[in-house]
Amino acid sequence: MNCFKSGLPARISGILLAGYWLLAAGSPLQAQTMVKFATLAPDGSTWMKAVTQFTLEASSKTAGRVKFKVYAGGVAGDEKDVVRKIRLGQLQAGGFTGVGIGEIAPEARLLDTPFLFNNAREIDYIYKTFDADFRKIFESRGYVLLGWAEVGSVNIFSNTPVTRPEDLKSLKIWLWEGDPIAEAMYAALKVKPIPLSVMDVMTSLQTGMINGVYGSPLSVIALQWFTRMKYVFSLPITNASGAVLLSKKTFDALSKEDQKVMLELGEKHFRALTLQSRKDNEQSVAILKTKKLVFTDPAGPGVIAEFERAGDEARLSLIGRLYSRELLDKVAGALKTFRAAKPAAVPH
């Protein structure tokens, strides 16, 4: 049909023709989603490398429909600030440690409780077994889990040696302000910590306000806290969880195809990050030793049992505050079953 002969103005026919070609080409002007992503992880760290790989591949595989702006190194604030900004729509996603996770889904903090796990195989088994349960909890709070990103085994770093619970009482030891897990652990050990934001730790170490911290070897190196420390207690007190969470509102606005891309790449990159973090934590122990930090061992098996009893006490004290007795019993029961299984029958 000749639009000019039909009497349609040339301008209108041009608009219609342009619209036709846009539709035929699959609407290349489709709206983009900008995901503003915040994390405490510093630039250059293992975590930031994984985040960068994830965001680049996600943008590529969605043909640019999903783009990212990443705020690293805590420039967007502490994890509580990041959660608040996501709720306000100022940010859309974050990489969180247990403290941030607890602001969103307190139940998941069960995974951070002291002396719960004995090794990485137990950790992997419980996370896999309860993955669907925790995903539902996150979604009920307005978030989608893109992937677990384990921080790793946590040790106590100090300027005086620690070999037994009594040694902690003489330390000016840091507590991540508002962290109920650490509060419960210290309470069970009869220790009085000094609560501070994670952003204030380095300054407080420099001024002598605190002389003890806790963290994974990798994170303590990344944050440079190790430069103010002399000793490391070799017994890990817990395994610190981590997760990458996206606002459900943002996720729901994506096409089904792009949602699938985000979930698949999240599982791929953040599972790889967990495995790499474990390797890096092992290497970090060696680095700390070259930096002349002294690793101290528990003063006998009785001391280990004393710490484990404190872990049990802390876990029980959090029932009703963070998680239900039912959830605790389910996780404890699954661990018991796993530990009782014959090695050949236990999945790797």
C-alpha atoms as a PDB file:
ATOM      1  CA  MET A   1       0.000   0.000   0.000  1.00  0.00           C
ATOM      2  CA  ASN A   2       1.307   3.447  -0.930  1.00  0.00           C
ATOM      3  CA  CYS A   3       0.858   5.688   2.120  1.00  0.00           C
ATOM      4  CA  PHE A   4       1.237   8.865   0.123  1.00  0.00           C
ATOM      5  CA  LYS A   5      -1.499   7.896  -2.373  1.00  0.00           C
ATOM      6  CA  SER A   6      -3.832   6.974   0.500  1.00  0.00           C
ATOM      7  CA  GLY A   7      -3.638  10.525   1.790  1.00  0.00           C
ATOM      8  CA  LEU A   8      -1.631   9.855   5.019  1.00  0.00           C
ATOM      9  CA  PRO A   9       0.857  12.646   5.687  1.00  0.00           C
ATOM     10  CA  ALA A  10       4.443  11.715   5.006  1.00  0.00           C
ATOM     11  CA  ARG A  11       5.420  12.442   8.648  1.00  0.00           C
ATOM     12  CA  ILE A  12       2.863   9.971  10.026  1.00  0.00           C
ATOM     13  CA  SER A  13       3.805   7.304   7.508  1.00  0.00           C
ATOM     14  CA  GLY A  14       7.446   7.727   8.503  1.00  0.00           C
ATOM     15  CA  ILE A  15       6.597   7.194  12.191  1.00  0.00           C
ATOM     16  CA  LEU A  16       4.577   4.081  11.369  1.00  0.00           C
ATOM     17  CA  LEU A  17       7.377   2.729   9.202  1.00  0.00           C
ATOM     18  CA  ALA A  18       9.963   3.364  11.963  1.00  0.00           C
ATOM     19  CA  GLY A  19       7.704   1.608  14.471  1.00  0.00           C
ATOM     20  CA  TYR A  20       7.372  -1.359  12.141  1.00  0.00           C
ATOM     21  CA  TRP A  21      11.122  -1.758  11.833  1.00  0.00           C
ATOM     22  CA  LEU A  22      11.599  -1.465  15.606  1.00  0.00           C
ATOM     23  CA  LEU A  23       9.113  -4.267  16.166  1.00  0.00           C
ATOM     24  CA  ALA A  24      10.661  -6.368  13.442  1.00  0.00           C
ATOM     25  CA  ALA A  25      14.086  -5.907  15.024  1.00  0.00           C
ATOM     26  CA  GLY A  26      12.905  -7.072  18.446  1.00  0.00           C
ATOM     27  CA  SER A  27      12.626  -3.610  20.073  1.00  0.00           C
ATOM     28  CA  PRO A  28      16.287  -2.775  20.637  1.00  0.00           C
ATOM     29  CA  LEU A  29      15.102   0.228  22.669  1.00  0.00           C
ATOM     30  CA  GLN A  30      13.736  -2.078  25.386  1.00  0.00           C
ATOM     31  CA  ALA A  31      14.118  -0.489  28.825  1.00  0.00           C
ATOM     32  CA  GLN A  32      17.217  -1.366  30.774  1.00  0.00           C
ATOM     33  CA  THR A  33      17.399  -2.278  34.452  1.00  0.00           C
ATOM     34  CA  MET A  34      20.157  -0.618  36.428  1.00  0.00           C
ATOM     35  CA  VAL A  35      21.185  -2.624  39.492  1.00  0.00           C
ATOM     36  CA  LYS A  36      23.089  -0.583  42.047  1.00  0.00           C
ATOM     37  CA  PHE A  37      25.108  -3.113  44.039  1.00  0.00           C
ATOM     38  CA  ALA A  38      26.939  -2.417  47.318  1.00  0.00           C
ATOM     39  CA  THR A  39      29.421  -4.434  49.355  1.00  0.00           C
ATOM     40  CA  LEU A  40      31.999  -4.001  52.090  1.00  0.00           C
ATOM     41  CA  ALA A  41      34.482  -6.014  50.011  1.00  0.00           C
ATOM     42  CA  PRO A  42      37.390  -3.809  48.929  1.00  0.00           C
ATOM     43  CA  ASP A  43      38.444  -3.358  45.315  1.00  0.00           C
ATOM     44  CA  GLY A  44      40.970  -5.972  44.245  1.00  0.00           C
ATOM     45  CA  SER A  45      39.737  -8.552  46.771  1.00  0.00           C
ATOM     46  CA  THR A  46      38.673 -12.083  45.846  1.00  0.00           C
ATOM     47  CA  TRP A  47      35.056 -11.134  46.479  1.00  0.00           C
ATOM     48  CA  MET A  48      35.161  -8.072  44.237  1.00  0.00           C
ATOM     49  CA  LYS A  49      36.770 -10.062  41.443  1.00  0.00           C
ATOM     50  CA  ALA A  50      33.851 -12.514  41.602  1.00  0.00           C
ATOM     51  CA  VAL A  51      31.302  -9.698  41.682  1.00  0.00           C
ATOM     52  CA  THR A  52      32.944  -8.095  38.646  1.00  0.00           C
ATOM     53  CA  GLN A  53      32.899 -11.369  36.705  1.00  0.00           C
ATOM     54  CA  PHE A  54      29.236 -11.891  37.605  1.00  0.00           C
ATOM     55  CA  THR A  55      28.133  -8.389  36.616  1.00  0.00           C
ATOM     56  CA  LEU A  56      30.039  -8.404  33.328  1.00  0.00           C
ATOM     57  CA  GLU A  57      28.651 -11.783  32.270  1.00  0.00           C
ATOM     58  CA  ALA A  58      25.124 -10.922  33.417  1.00  0.00           C
ATOM     59  CA  SER A  59      25.160  -7.711  31.363  1.00  0.00           C
ATOM     60  CA  SER A  60      26.523  -9.600  28.365  1.00  0.00           C
ATOM     61  CA  LYS A  61      24.062 -12.509  28.523  1.00  0.00           C
ATOM     62  CA  THR A  62      21.085 -10.161  28.916  1.00  0.00           C
ATOM     63  CA  ALA A  63      22.316  -8.151  25.902  1.00  0.00           C
ATOM     64  CA  GLY A  64      22.718  -5.105  28.124  1.00  0.00           C
ATOM     65  CA  ARG A  65      19.161  -5.221  29.451  1.00  0.00           C
ATOM     66  CA  VAL A  66      20.616  -5.571  32.972  1.00  0.00           C
ATOM     67  CA  LYS A  67      23.433  -3.217  33.892  1.00  0.00           C
ATOM     68  CA  PHE A  68      25.276  -2.734  37.174  1.00  0.00           C
ATOM     69  CA  LYS A  69      26.875   0.026  39.170  1.00  0.00           C
ATOM     70  CA  VAL A  70      28.983  -1.405  41.994  1.00  0.00           C
ATOM     71  CA  TYR A  71      29.880   0.411  45.209  1.00  0.00           C
ATOM     72  CA  ALA A  72      32.787  -1.445  46.833  1.00  0.00           C
ATOM     73  CA  GLY A  73      34.736  -1.038  50.045  1.00  0.00           C
ATOM     74  CA  GLY A  74      31.840   0.190  52.162  1.00  0.00           C
ATOM     75  CA  VAL A  75      31.394   3.508  50.296  1.00  0.00           C
ATOM     76  CA  ALA A  76      27.626   2.963  50.502  1.00  0.00           C
ATOM     77  CA  GLY A  77      27.879   2.454  54.266  1.00  0.00           C
ATOM     78  CA  ASP A  78      27.789  -0.453  56.685  1.00  0.00           C
ATOM     79  CA  GLU A  79      25.625  -3.454  55.825  1.00  0.00           C
ATOM     80  CA  LYS A  80      22.700  -2.080  57.828  1.00  0.00           C
ATOM     81  CA  ASP A  81      22.916   1.092  55.733  1.00  0.00           C
ATOM     82  CA  VAL A  82      22.873  -0.986  52.544  1.00  0.00           C
ATOM     83  CA  VAL A  83      19.750  -2.894  53.647  1.00  0.00           C
ATOM     84  CA  ARG A  84      18.006   0.401  54.471  1.00  0.00           C
ATOM     85  CA  LYS A  85      18.972   1.870  51.085  1.00  0.00           C
ATOM     86  CA  ILE A  86      17.651  -1.202  49.254  1.00  0.00           C
ATOM     87  CA  ARG A  87      14.335  -0.820  51.086  1.00  0.00           C
ATOM     88  CA  LEU A  88      14.231   2.826  50.000  1.00  0.00           C
ATOM     89  CA  GLY A  89      15.040   1.893  46.398  1.00  0.00           C
ATOM     90  CA  GLN A  90      18.373   3.750  46.424  1.00  0.00           C
ATOM     91  CA  LEU A  91      20.193   0.433  45.914  1.00  0.00           C
ATOM     92  CA  GLN A  92      18.924  -2.823  44.442  1.00  0.00           C
ATOM     93  CA  ALA A  93      21.419  -5.478  45.546  1.00  0.00           C
ATOM     94  CA  GLY A  94      24.198  -6.225  47.973  1.00  0.00           C
ATOM     95  CA  GLY A  95      26.879  -8.673  48.928  1.00  0.00           C
ATOM     96  CA  PHE A  96      26.347  -9.386  52.617  1.00  0.00           C
ATOM     97  CA  THR A  97      28.037 -11.104  55.511  1.00  0.00           C
ATOM     98  CA  GLY A  98      25.968 -12.543  58.338  1.00  0.00           C
ATOM     99  CA  VAL A  99      25.196  -9.160  59.903  1.00  0.00           C
ATOM    100  CA  GLY A 100      23.505  -7.882  56.758  1.00  0.00           C
ATOM    101  CA  ILE A 101      21.795 -11.215  56.170  1.00  0.00           C
ATOM    102  CA  GLY A 102      20.404 -11.028  59.697  1.00  0.00           C
ATOM    103  CA  GLU A 103      18.842  -7.632  58.992  1.00  0.00           C
ATOM    104  CA  ILE A 104      16.836  -9.322  56.239  1.00  0.00           C
ATOM    105  CA  ALA A 105      16.332 -12.931  57.368  1.00  0.00           C
ATOM    106  CA  PRO A 106      17.339 -13.493  61.023  1.00  0.00           C
ATOM    107  CA  GLU A 107      16.617 -17.218  60.670  1.00  0.00           C
ATOM    108  CA  ALA A 108      19.618 -17.616  58.367  1.00  0.00           C
ATOM    109  CA  ARG A 109      21.947 -16.541  61.183  1.00  0.00           C
ATOM    110  CA  LEU A 110      21.614 -20.054  62.575  1.00  0.00           C
ATOM    111  CA  LEU A 111      24.269 -20.941  59.994  1.00  0.00           C
ATOM    112  CA  ASP A 112      26.690 -18.488  61.666  1.00  0.00           C
ATOM    113  CA  THR A 113      26.342 -19.773  65.220  1.00  0.00           C
ATOM    114  CA  PRO A 114      29.635 -20.738  66.917  1.00  0.00           C
ATOM    115  CA  PHE A 115      31.045 -24.259  66.684  1.00  0.00           C
ATOM    116  CA  LEU A 116      28.117 -25.544  64.586  1.00  0.00           C
ATOM    117  CA  PHE A 117      30.225 -27.147  61.835  1.00  0.00           C
ATOM    118  CA  ASN A 118      33.322 -29.335  62.004  1.00  0.00           C
ATOM    119  CA  ASN A 119      34.431 -29.126  58.361  1.00  0.00           C
ATOM    120  CA  ALA A 120      33.601 -27.881  54.860  1.00  0.00           C
ATOM    121  CA  ARG A 121      31.748 -31.069  53.905  1.00  0.00           C
ATOM    122  CA  GLU A 122      29.251 -30.474  56.713  1.00  0.00           C
ATOM    123  CA  ILE A 123      28.841 -26.849  55.634  1.00  0.00           C
ATOM    124  CA  ASP A 124      28.148 -27.798  52.012  1.00  0.00           C
ATOM    125  CA  TYR A 125      25.691 -30.508  53.038  1.00  0.00           C
ATOM    126  CA  ILE A 126      23.602 -28.222  55.262  1.00  0.00           C
ATOM    127  CA  TYR A 127      23.571 -25.328  52.791  1.00  0.00           C
ATOM    128  CA  LYS A 128      22.447 -27.649  49.998  1.00  0.00           C
ATOM    129  CA  THR A 129      19.864 -29.429  52.145  1.00  0.00           C
ATOM    130  CA  PHE A 130      18.231 -26.212  53.376  1.00  0.00           C
ATOM    131  CA  ASP A 131      18.774 -24.030  50.302  1.00  0.00           C
ATOM    132  CA  ALA A 132      15.086 -24.062  49.277  1.00  0.00           C
ATOM    133  CA  ASP A 133      13.964 -23.258  52.827  1.00  0.00           C
ATOM    134  CA  PHE A 134      16.175 -20.206  53.076  1.00  0.00           C
ATOM    135  CA  ARG A 135      15.304 -19.017  49.566  1.00  0.00           C
ATOM    136  CA  LYS A 136      11.629 -18.959  50.583  1.00  0.00           C
ATOM    137  CA  ILE A 137      12.485 -16.981  53.712  1.00  0.00           C
ATOM    138  CA  PHE A 138      14.457 -14.407  51.703  1.00  0.00           C
ATOM    139  CA  GLU A 139      11.630 -14.059  49.170  1.00  0.00           C
ATOM    140  CA  SER A 140       9.083 -13.557  51.937  1.00  0.00           C
ATOM    141  CA  ARG A 141      11.191 -10.581  53.086  1.00  0.00           C
ATOM    142  CA  GLY A 142      11.412  -9.057  49.595  1.00  0.00           C
ATOM    143  CA  TYR A 143      14.738 -10.453  48.361  1.00  0.00           C
ATOM    144  CA  VAL A 144      15.971 -13.050  45.899  1.00  0.00           C
ATOM    145  CA  LEU A 145      19.058 -15.101  46.746  1.00  0.00           C
ATOM    146  CA  LEU A 146      21.458 -14.986  43.805  1.00  0.00           C
ATOM    147  CA  GLY A 147      23.997 -17.142  45.605  1.00  0.00           C
ATOM    148  CA  TRP A 148      25.682 -18.014  48.874  1.00  0.00           C
ATOM    149  CA  ALA A 149      29.165 -16.536  49.112  1.00  0.00           C
ATOM    150  CA  GLU A 150      30.891 -17.963  52.164  1.00  0.00           C
ATOM    151  CA  VAL A 151      33.244 -15.649  54.059  1.00  0.00           C
ATOM    152  CA  GLY A 152      34.942 -18.614  55.709  1.00  0.00           C
ATOM    153  CA  SER A 153      36.292 -19.845  59.020  1.00  0.00           C
ATOM    154  CA  VAL A 154      36.564 -17.109  61.631  1.00  0.00           C
ATOM    155  CA  ASN A 155      39.459 -16.779  64.070  1.00  0.00           C
ATOM    156  CA  ILE A 156      40.213 -14.443  66.955  1.00  0.00           C
ATOM    157  CA  PHE A 157      43.112 -12.026  66.376  1.00  0.00           C
ATOM    158  CA  SER A 158      44.668 -10.243  69.332  1.00  0.00           C
ATOM    159  CA  ASN A 159      47.714  -8.535  70.789  1.00  0.00           C
ATOM    160  CA  THR A 160      48.009 -10.960  73.705  1.00  0.00           C
ATOM    161  CA  PRO A 161      47.888 -14.750  73.287  1.00  0.00           C
ATOM    162  CA  VAL A 162      44.609 -16.655  73.572  1.00  0.00           C
ATOM    163  CA  THR A 163      44.640 -20.355  74.467  1.00  0.00           C
ATOM    164  CA  ARG A 164      41.515 -20.647  76.675  1.00  0.00           C
ATOM    165  CA  PRO A 165      38.232 -18.741  77.279  1.00  0.00           C
ATOM    166  CA  GLU A 166      39.673 -16.931  80.308  1.00  0.00           C
ATOM    167  CA  ASP A 167      42.206 -15.179  78.052  1.00  0.00           C
ATOM    168  CA  LEU A 168      39.406 -13.408  76.194  1.00  0.00           C
ATOM    169  CA  LYS A 169      38.249 -11.668  79.361  1.00  0.00           C
ATOM    170  CA  SER A 170      41.379  -9.536  79.538  1.00  0.00           C
ATOM    171  CA  LEU A 171      41.088  -8.379  75.916  1.00  0.00           C
ATOM    172  CA  LYS A 172      39.484  -5.196  74.682  1.00  0.00           C
ATOM    173  CA  ILE A 173      37.801  -7.238  71.979  1.00  0.00           C
ATOM    174  CA  TRP A 174      35.614  -5.901  69.213  1.00  0.00           C
ATOM    175  CA  LEU A 175      31.947  -6.775  68.701  1.00  0.00           C
ATOM    176  CA  TRP A 176      30.306  -5.898  65.398  1.00  0.00           C
ATOM    177  CA  GLU A 177      27.675  -3.540  66.737  1.00  0.00           C
ATOM    178  CA  GLY A 178      24.218  -5.100  66.648  1.00  0.00           C
ATOM    179  CA  ASP A 179      25.405  -8.632  65.809  1.00  0.00           C
ATOM    180  CA  PRO A 180      23.314 -10.974  68.005  1.00  0.00           C
ATOM    181  CA  ILE A 181      25.442 -14.020  67.142  1.00  0.00           C
ATOM    182  CA  ALA A 182      28.656 -12.494  68.462  1.00  0.00           C
ATOM    183  CA  GLU A 183      26.759 -11.037  71.431  1.00  0.00           C
ATOM    184  CA  ALA A 184      25.439 -14.503  72.337  1.00  0.00           C
ATOM    185  CA  MET A 185      28.869 -16.081  71.977  1.00  0.00           C
ATOM    186  CA  TYR A 186      30.562 -13.485  74.173  1.00  0.00           C
ATOM    187  CA  ALA A 187      27.774 -13.763  76.740  1.00  0.00           C
ATOM    188  CA  ALA A 188      28.217 -17.537  76.908  1.00  0.00           C
ATOM    189  CA  LEU A 189      31.971 -17.027  77.412  1.00  0.00           C
ATOM    190  CA  LYS A 190      31.374 -14.298  80.057  1.00  0.00           C
ATOM    191  CA  VAL A 191      33.302 -11.779  77.935  1.00  0.00           C
ATOM    192  CA  LYS A 192      32.443  -8.064  77.726  1.00  0.00           C
ATOM    193  CA  PRO A 193      33.227  -6.831  74.191  1.00  0.00           C
ATOM    194  CA  ILE A 194      33.376  -3.304  72.759  1.00  0.00           C
ATOM    195  CA  PRO A 195      30.630  -2.752  70.160  1.00  0.00           C
ATOM    196  CA  LEU A 196      31.679  -0.803  67.062  1.00  0.00           C
ATOM    197  CA  SER A 197      30.680  -0.484  63.436  1.00  0.00           C
ATOM    198  CA  VAL A 198      32.951  -2.462  61.138  1.00  0.00           C
ATOM    199  CA  MET A 199      33.897   0.881  59.575  1.00  0.00           C
ATOM    200  CA  ASP A 200      35.412   2.015  62.901  1.00  0.00           C
ATOM    201  CA  VAL A 201      37.577  -1.033  63.606  1.00  0.00           C
ATOM    202  CA  MET A 202      40.828   0.104  62.004  1.00  0.00           C
ATOM    203  CA  THR A 203      40.786   3.500  63.704  1.00  0.00           C
ATOM    204  CA  SER A 204      39.996   1.836  67.038  1.00  0.00           C
ATOM    205  CA  LEU A 205      42.931  -0.562  66.601  1.00  0.00           C
ATOM    206  CA  GLN A 206      45.234   2.346  65.834  1.00  0.00           C
ATOM    207  CA  THR A 207      44.155   4.275  68.932  1.00  0.00           C
ATOM    208  CA  GLY A 208      44.236   1.240  71.220  1.00  0.00           C
ATOM    209  CA  MET A 209      40.514   1.397  71.943  1.00  0.00           C
ATOM    210  CA  ILE A 210      40.417  -2.309  71.032  1.00  0.00           C
ATOM    211  CA  ASN A 211      43.190  -4.902  70.869  1.00  0.00           C
ATOM    212  CA  GLY A 212      41.267  -7.907  69.613  1.00  0.00           C
ATOM    213  CA  VAL A 213      39.073  -8.652  66.581  1.00  0.00           C
ATOM    214  CA  TYR A 214      37.551 -11.652  64.835  1.00  0.00           C
ATOM    215  CA  GLY A 215      37.336 -12.458  61.146  1.00  0.00           C
ATOM    216  CA  SER A 216      38.438 -14.869  58.461  1.00  0.00           C
ATOM    217  CA  PRO A 217      42.173 -14.753  57.699  1.00  0.00           C
ATOM    218  CA  LEU A 218      41.398 -13.499  54.193  1.00  0.00           C
ATOM    219  CA  SER A 219      39.108 -10.705  55.372  1.00  0.00           C
ATOM    220  CA  VAL A 220      41.514  -9.576  58.106  1.00  0.00           C
ATOM    221  CA  ILE A 221      44.244  -9.235  55.476  1.00  0.00           C
ATOM    222  CA  ALA A 222      41.912  -7.512  52.981  1.00  0.00           C
ATOM    223  CA  LEU A 223      40.870  -4.995  55.651  1.00  0.00           C
ATOM    224  CA  GLN A 224      44.495  -4.603  56.845  1.00  0.00           C
ATOM    225  CA  TRP A 225      43.536  -5.320  60.472  1.00  0.00           C
ATOM    226  CA  PHE A 226      46.340  -7.877  60.687  1.00  0.00           C
ATOM    227  CA  THR A 227      48.888  -5.053  60.654  1.00  0.00           C
ATOM    228  CA  ARG A 228      47.840  -4.184  64.210  1.00  0.00           C
ATOM    229  CA  MET A 229      47.743  -7.768  65.519  1.00  0.00           C
ATOM    230  CA  LYS A 230      50.325 -10.177  67.013  1.00  0.00           C
ATOM    231  CA  TYR A 231      48.433 -13.435  67.701  1.00  0.00           C
ATOM    232  CA  VAL A 232      45.847 -15.657  66.048  1.00  0.00           C
ATOM    233  CA  PHE A 233      43.856 -18.262  67.979  1.00  0.00           C
ATOM    234  CA  SER A 234      44.001 -21.296  65.679  1.00  0.00           C
ATOM    235  CA  LEU A 235      40.632 -22.768  66.719  1.00  0.00           C
ATOM    236  CA  PRO A 236      37.962 -21.369  64.352  1.00  0.00           C
ATOM    237  CA  ILE A 237      35.039 -20.038  66.352  1.00  0.00           C
ATOM    238  CA  THR A 238      32.532 -20.217  63.513  1.00  0.00           C
ATOM    239  CA  ASN A 239      32.077 -20.325  59.762  1.00  0.00           C
ATOM    240  CA  ALA A 240      30.872 -16.964  58.512  1.00  0.00           C
ATOM    241  CA  SER A 241      28.140 -17.018  55.910  1.00  0.00           C
ATOM    242  CA  GLY A 242      27.783 -14.624  53.030  1.00  0.00           C
ATOM    243  CA  ALA A 243      25.113 -14.067  50.407  1.00  0.00           C
ATOM    244  CA  VAL A 244      24.374 -11.946  47.370  1.00  0.00           C
ATOM    245  CA  LEU A 245      20.805 -10.686  47.493  1.00  0.00           C
ATOM    246  CA  LEU A 246      18.734  -8.798  44.943  1.00  0.00           C
ATOM    247  CA  SER A 247      15.577  -6.814  45.610  1.00  0.00           C
ATOM    248  CA  LYS A 248      12.594  -8.996  44.649  1.00  0.00           C
ATOM    249  CA  LYS A 249      10.900  -5.941  43.176  1.00  0.00           C
ATOM    250  CA  THR A 250      13.821  -5.511  40.790  1.00  0.00           C
ATOM    251  CA  PHE A 251      13.985  -9.240  40.045  1.00  0.00           C
ATOM    252  CA  ASP A 252      10.251  -9.454  39.304  1.00  0.00           C
ATOM    253  CA  ALA A 253      10.568  -6.593  36.807  1.00  0.00           C
ATOM    254  CA  LEU A 254      12.975  -8.652  34.694  1.00  0.00           C
ATOM    255  CA  SER A 255      11.838 -10.950  31.901  1.00  0.00           C
ATOM    256  CA  LYS A 256      11.720 -14.664  32.705  1.00  0.00           C
ATOM    257  CA  GLU A 257      14.716 -15.131  30.438  1.00  0.00           C
ATOM    258  CA  ASP A 258      16.768 -12.538  32.307  1.00  0.00           C
ATOM    259  CA  GLN A 259      15.671 -13.898  35.683  1.00  0.00           C
ATOM    260  CA  LYS A 260      17.000 -17.292  34.639  1.00  0.00           C
ATOM    261  CA  VAL A 261      20.306 -15.743  33.567  1.00  0.00           C
ATOM    262  CA  MET A 262      20.695 -13.953  36.897  1.00  0.00           C
ATOM    263  CA  LEU A 263      20.007 -17.084  38.958  1.00  0.00           C
ATOM    264  CA  GLU A 264      22.231 -19.348  36.872  1.00  0.00           C
ATOM    265  CA  LEU A 265      25.147 -16.913  36.878  1.00  0.00           C
ATOM    266  CA  GLY A 266      24.678 -16.233  40.578  1.00  0.00           C
ATOM    267  CA  GLU A 267      24.990 -19.935  41.357  1.00  0.00           C
ATOM    268  CA  LYS A 268      27.991 -20.260  39.030  1.00  0.00           C
ATOM    269  CA  HIS A 269      30.038 -17.294  40.201  1.00  0.00           C
ATOM    270  CA  PHE A 270      29.244 -17.269  43.909  1.00  0.00           C
ATOM    271  CA  ARG A 271      29.733 -21.002  44.347  1.00  0.00           C
ATOM    272  CA  ALA A 272      33.107 -20.536  42.658  1.00  0.00           C
ATOM    273  CA  LEU A 273      33.738 -17.633  45.038  1.00  0.00           C
ATOM    274  CA  THR A 274      33.051 -19.862  48.059  1.00  0.00           C
ATOM    275  CA  LEU A 275      35.543 -22.462  46.831  1.00  0.00           C
ATOM    276  CA  GLN A 276      38.130 -19.803  45.988  1.00  0.00           C
ATOM    277  CA  SER A 277      37.641 -18.127  49.371  1.00  0.00           C
ATOM    278  CA  ARG A 278      38.447 -21.409  51.085  1.00  0.00           C
ATOM    279  CA  LYS A 279      41.694 -21.683  49.131  1.00  0.00           C
ATOM    280  CA  ASP A 280      42.518 -18.039  49.756  1.00  0.00           C
ATOM    281  CA  ASN A 281      41.866 -18.421  53.488  1.00  0.00           C
ATOM    282  CA  GLU A 282      44.333 -21.318  53.601  1.00  0.00           C
ATOM    283  CA  GLN A 283      46.893 -19.214  51.751  1.00  0.00           C
ATOM    284  CA  SER A 284      46.136 -16.272  54.058  1.00  0.00           C
ATOM    285  CA  VAL A 285      47.131 -18.358  57.071  1.00  0.00           C
ATOM    286  CA  ALA A 286      50.536 -18.899  55.470  1.00  0.00           C
ATOM    287  CA  ILE A 287      50.801 -15.176  54.679  1.00  0.00           C
ATOM    288  CA  LEU A 288      49.989 -14.247  58.276  1.00  0.00           C
ATOM    289  CA  LYS A 289      52.736 -16.550  59.492  1.00  0.00           C
ATOM    290  CA  THR A 290      55.234 -14.863  57.181  1.00  0.00           C
ATOM    291  CA  LYS A 291      54.111 -11.569  58.715  1.00  0.00           C
ATOM    292  CA  LYS A 292      55.252 -12.981  62.081  1.00  0.00           C
ATOM    293  CA  LEU A 293      51.782 -13.402  63.592  1.00  0.00           C
ATOM    294  CA  VAL A 294      51.904 -16.235  66.121  1.00  0.00           C
ATOM    295  CA  PHE A 295      49.224 -18.940  65.967  1.00  0.00           C
ATOM    296  CA  THR A 296      48.240 -20.297  69.387  1.00  0.00           C
ATOM    297  CA  ASP A 297      46.461 -23.605  70.001  1.00  0.00           C
ATOM    298  CA  PRO A 298      43.783 -24.469  72.569  1.00  0.00           C
ATOM    299  CA  ALA A 299      45.352 -25.531  75.870  1.00  0.00           C
ATOM    300  CA  GLY A 300      44.108 -29.117  75.655  1.00  0.00           C
ATOM    301  CA  PRO A 301      40.964 -30.995  74.527  1.00  0.00           C
ATOM    302  CA  GLY A 302      39.083 -29.842  77.604  1.00  0.00           C
ATOM    303  CA  VAL A 303      39.375 -26.267  76.368  1.00  0.00           C
ATOM    304  CA  ILE A 304      37.879 -27.209  72.995  1.00  0.00           C
ATOM    305  CA  ALA A 305      34.956 -28.864  74.796  1.00  0.00           C
ATOM    306  CA  GLU A 306      34.511 -25.690  76.871  1.00  0.00           C
ATOM    307  CA  PHE A 307      34.273 -23.567  73.736  1.00  0.00           C
ATOM    308  CA  GLU A 308      31.824 -26.036  72.165  1.00  0.00           C
ATOM    309  CA  ARG A 309      29.601 -25.898  75.259  1.00  0.00           C
ATOM    310  CA  ALA A 310      29.574 -22.108  74.940  1.00  0.00           C
ATOM    311  CA  GLY A 311      28.506 -22.558  71.315  1.00  0.00           C
ATOM    312  CA  ASP A 312      25.597 -24.772  72.378  1.00  0.00           C
ATOM    313  CA  GLU A 313      24.576 -22.237  75.025  1.00  0.00           C
ATOM    314  CA  ALA A 314      24.717 -19.376  72.518  1.00  0.00           C
ATOM    315  CA  ARG A 315      22.646 -21.322  69.979  1.00  0.00           C
ATOM    316  CA  LEU A 316      19.936 -22.119  72.525  1.00  0.00           C
ATOM    317  CA  SER A 317      19.818 -18.525  73.754  1.00  0.00           C
ATOM    318  CA  LEU A 318      18.872 -17.326  70.263  1.00  0.00           C
ATOM    319  CA  ILE A 319      15.767 -19.507  69.934  1.00  0.00           C
ATOM    320  CA  GLY A 320      12.794 -17.206  69.572  1.00  0.00           C
ATOM    321  CA  ARG A 321      15.027 -14.201  68.890  1.00  0.00           C
ATOM    322  CA  LEU A 322      16.412 -15.220  65.508  1.00  0.00           C
ATOM    323  CA  TYR A 323      15.083 -18.646  64.649  1.00  0.00           C
ATOM    324  CA  SER A 324      12.635 -21.256  65.865  1.00  0.00           C
ATOM    325  CA  ARG A 325      13.358 -24.340  67.917  1.00  0.00           C
ATOM    326  CA  GLU A 326      11.973 -26.329  64.989  1.00  0.00           C
ATOM    327  CA  LEU A 327      14.555 -24.945  62.554  1.00  0.00           C
ATOM    328  CA  LEU A 328      17.403 -25.503  65.011  1.00  0.00           C
ATOM    329  CA  ASP A 329      16.289 -29.099  65.581  1.00  0.00           C
ATOM    330  CA  LYS A 330      16.002 -29.728  61.819  1.00  0.00           C
ATOM    331  CA  VAL A 331      19.532 -28.471  61.145  1.00  0.00           C
ATOM    332  CA  ALA A 332      20.972 -30.283  64.176  1.00  0.00           C
ATOM    333  CA  GLY A 333      19.178 -33.481  63.129  1.00  0.00           C
ATOM    334  CA  ALA A 334      20.490 -33.231  59.568  1.00  0.00           C
ATOM    335  CA  LEU A 335      24.024 -32.742  60.883  1.00  0.00           C
ATOM    336  CA  LYS A 336      23.688 -35.730  63.178  1.00  0.00           C
ATOM    337  CA  THR A 337      22.481 -37.910  60.300  1.00  0.00           C
ATOM    338  CA  PHE A 338      25.297 -36.695  58.058  1.00  0.00           C
ATOM    339  CA  ARG A 339      27.950 -37.395  60.674  1.00  0.00           C
ATOM    340  CA  ALA A 340      26.583 -40.873  61.306  1.00  0.00           C
ATOM    341  CA  ALA A 341      26.572 -41.826  57.617  1.00  0.00           C
ATOM    342  CA  LYS A 342      29.271 -44.091  56.255  1.00  0.00           C
ATOM    343  CA  PRO A 343      31.905 -42.138  54.287  1.00  0.00           C
ATOM    344  CA  ALA A 344      31.041 -43.976  51.082  1.00  0.00           C
ATOM    345  CA  ALA A 345      27.405 -42.956  51.414  1.00  0.00           C
ATOM    346  CA  VAL A 346      28.118 -39.290  52.110  1.00  0.00           C
ATOM    347  CA  PRO A 347      27.877 -37.037  49.026  1.00  0.00           C
ATOM    348  CA  HIS A 348      30.940 -34.932  48.209  1.00  0.00           C
END
